[in-house]
Amino acid sequence: RVLVGNYGCDYRINYTALGDGVNLASRLEASNKVFGTVVMVSESTADSAAMEFQFRKLGRILVPGKVQIVTVYELLMEKDELAAEAEANAQLLEGAFDQKVLHNWQWI
C-alpha cells in the first residue's frame, strides 16, 4: 500500500509518496547496479504484470529495512515484442536459477 499526494501545511507543501512499497522500490532501484540491470521489480509486481510483460528471475536478496528475503526480476520487454528466442533464453536462465535454489548453492 502506497499513499501519494500533497503533504504539508498551507505555507509548505510537498508532493510525495509514502509506504513500504516506495521504500522497496527505492532499494530495488539501487540494486540495479549490482545486477547490471535497468529495471528491477519484486515478485508481487512481476506477478501482477505477467500478462503484459516478460520478466527474468534474477535471484533472492535481502534489502535494507526488510526482514524477509525478496525475489527480484528484471523487466525484459512487453510480451507482444517478445521473440521466441528471447523467451527461451529467459526460461533457460530461470531454470538455472531454480537449480541453484534446489541444490542449496550459495550466492556470493
Protein backbone atom coordinates (compact mmCIF):
# COMPACT_ATOMS: atom_id res chain seq x y z
CA ARG A 1 0.00 0.00 0.00
CA VAL A 2 1.32 3.40 -1.04
CA LEU A 3 -0.03 6.87 -0.26
CA VAL A 4 0.64 9.58 -2.86
CA GLY A 5 -0.29 13.23 -2.75
CA ASN A 6 0.40 16.68 -1.39
CA TYR A 7 1.52 16.63 2.23
CA GLY A 8 2.28 19.54 4.50
CA CYS A 9 0.59 22.74 5.59
CA ASP A 10 -0.54 25.99 3.97
CA TYR A 11 2.91 27.59 3.79
CA ARG A 12 4.94 24.46 2.97
CA ILE A 13 3.57 21.63 0.86
CA ASN A 14 5.28 18.72 -0.83
CA TYR A 15 4.08 16.15 -3.35
CA THR A 16 5.42 12.81 -2.14
CA ALA A 17 4.81 9.07 -1.93
CA LEU A 18 4.85 7.16 1.36
CA GLY A 19 4.75 3.50 2.25
CA ASP A 20 6.65 0.22 2.30
CA GLY A 21 6.25 -0.18 -1.47
CA VAL A 22 8.04 3.12 -2.07
CA ASN A 23 10.92 2.09 0.20
CA LEU A 24 11.21 -1.30 -1.51
CA ALA A 25 11.18 0.29 -4.97
CA SER A 26 13.99 2.62 -3.91
CA ARG A 27 16.09 -0.32 -2.64
CA LEU A 28 15.47 -2.30 -5.83
CA GLU A 29 16.42 0.67 -7.98
CA ALA A 30 19.74 0.88 -6.15
CA SER A 31 20.25 -2.89 -6.58
CA ASN A 32 20.21 -2.49 -10.37
CA LYS A 33 23.88 -1.52 -10.18
CA VAL A 34 24.81 -4.82 -8.57
CA PHE A 35 22.87 -6.91 -11.10
CA GLY A 36 23.72 -4.74 -14.11
CA THR A 37 20.05 -4.24 -14.93
CA VAL A 38 17.92 -1.22 -15.78
CA VAL A 39 14.50 -2.14 -14.33
CA MET A 40 14.15 -4.50 -11.38
CA VAL A 41 10.85 -5.42 -9.74
CA SER A 42 9.67 -7.54 -6.84
CA GLU A 43 7.83 -10.83 -7.26
CA SER A 44 4.44 -9.28 -6.50
CA THR A 45 4.92 -6.69 -9.26
CA ALA A 46 6.12 -9.31 -11.73
CA ASP A 47 3.12 -11.50 -10.93
CA SER A 48 0.72 -8.57 -11.36
CA ALA A 49 2.17 -7.61 -14.75
CA ALA A 50 2.93 -11.11 -16.09
CA MET A 51 0.19 -10.97 -18.74
CA GLU A 52 1.65 -7.86 -20.39
CA PHE A 53 5.39 -8.09 -19.74
CA GLN A 54 8.15 -10.69 -19.81
CA PHE A 55 10.39 -10.91 -16.74
CA ARG A 56 13.57 -12.83 -15.93
CA LYS A 57 14.16 -14.05 -12.39
CA LEU A 58 17.40 -12.60 -11.03
CA GLY A 59 17.60 -14.03 -7.55
CA ARG A 60 16.62 -13.53 -3.95
CA ILE A 61 18.02 -10.63 -1.98
CA LEU A 62 17.72 -9.13 1.46
CA VAL A 63 17.18 -5.40 1.11
CA PRO A 64 17.96 -2.93 3.90
CA GLY A 65 14.94 -2.24 6.07
CA LYS A 66 13.25 -5.58 5.29
CA VAL A 67 13.20 -8.76 7.35
CA GLN A 68 12.10 -11.13 4.60
CA ILE A 69 14.11 -12.06 1.53
CA VAL A 70 12.69 -10.59 -1.69
CA THR A 71 12.67 -12.45 -5.01
CA VAL A 72 13.57 -9.99 -7.76
CA TYR A 73 13.02 -9.96 -11.51
CA GLU A 74 14.35 -7.98 -14.44
CA LEU A 75 11.82 -6.45 -16.82
CA LEU A 76 12.74 -7.65 -20.31
CA MET A 77 10.04 -6.31 -22.65
CA GLU A 78 6.37 -6.20 -23.47
CA LYS A 79 5.06 -9.65 -24.36
CA ASP A 80 3.93 -8.65 -27.84
CA GLU A 81 7.54 -7.62 -28.60
CA LEU A 82 8.95 -10.86 -27.25
CA ALA A 83 10.64 -13.10 -29.77
CA ALA A 84 10.55 -16.87 -29.24
CA GLU A 85 14.34 -16.94 -28.80
CA ALA A 86 14.30 -14.29 -26.07
CA GLU A 87 11.55 -16.16 -24.20
CA ALA A 88 13.52 -19.42 -24.43
CA ASN A 89 16.64 -17.67 -23.08
CA ALA A 90 14.69 -16.21 -20.15
CA GLN A 91 13.26 -19.64 -19.31
CA LEU A 92 16.71 -21.22 -19.53
CA LEU A 93 18.18 -18.64 -17.13
CA GLU A 94 15.24 -19.03 -14.75
CA GLY A 95 15.72 -22.80 -14.84
CA ALA A 96 19.39 -22.35 -13.92
CA PHE A 97 18.36 -20.14 -11.00
CA ASP A 98 15.84 -22.73 -9.83
CA GLN A 99 18.53 -25.44 -9.97
CA LYS A 100 20.79 -23.33 -7.73
CA VAL A 101 17.96 -22.89 -5.25
CA LEU A 102 17.05 -26.59 -5.33
CA HIS A 103 20.66 -27.62 -4.73
CA ASN A 104 21.14 -25.01 -1.99
CA TRP A 105 24.12 -23.45 -3.74
CA GLN A 106 25.43 -20.29 -2.17
CA TRP A 107 25.32 -16.90 -3.89
CA ILE A 108 28.48 -14.90 -3.37
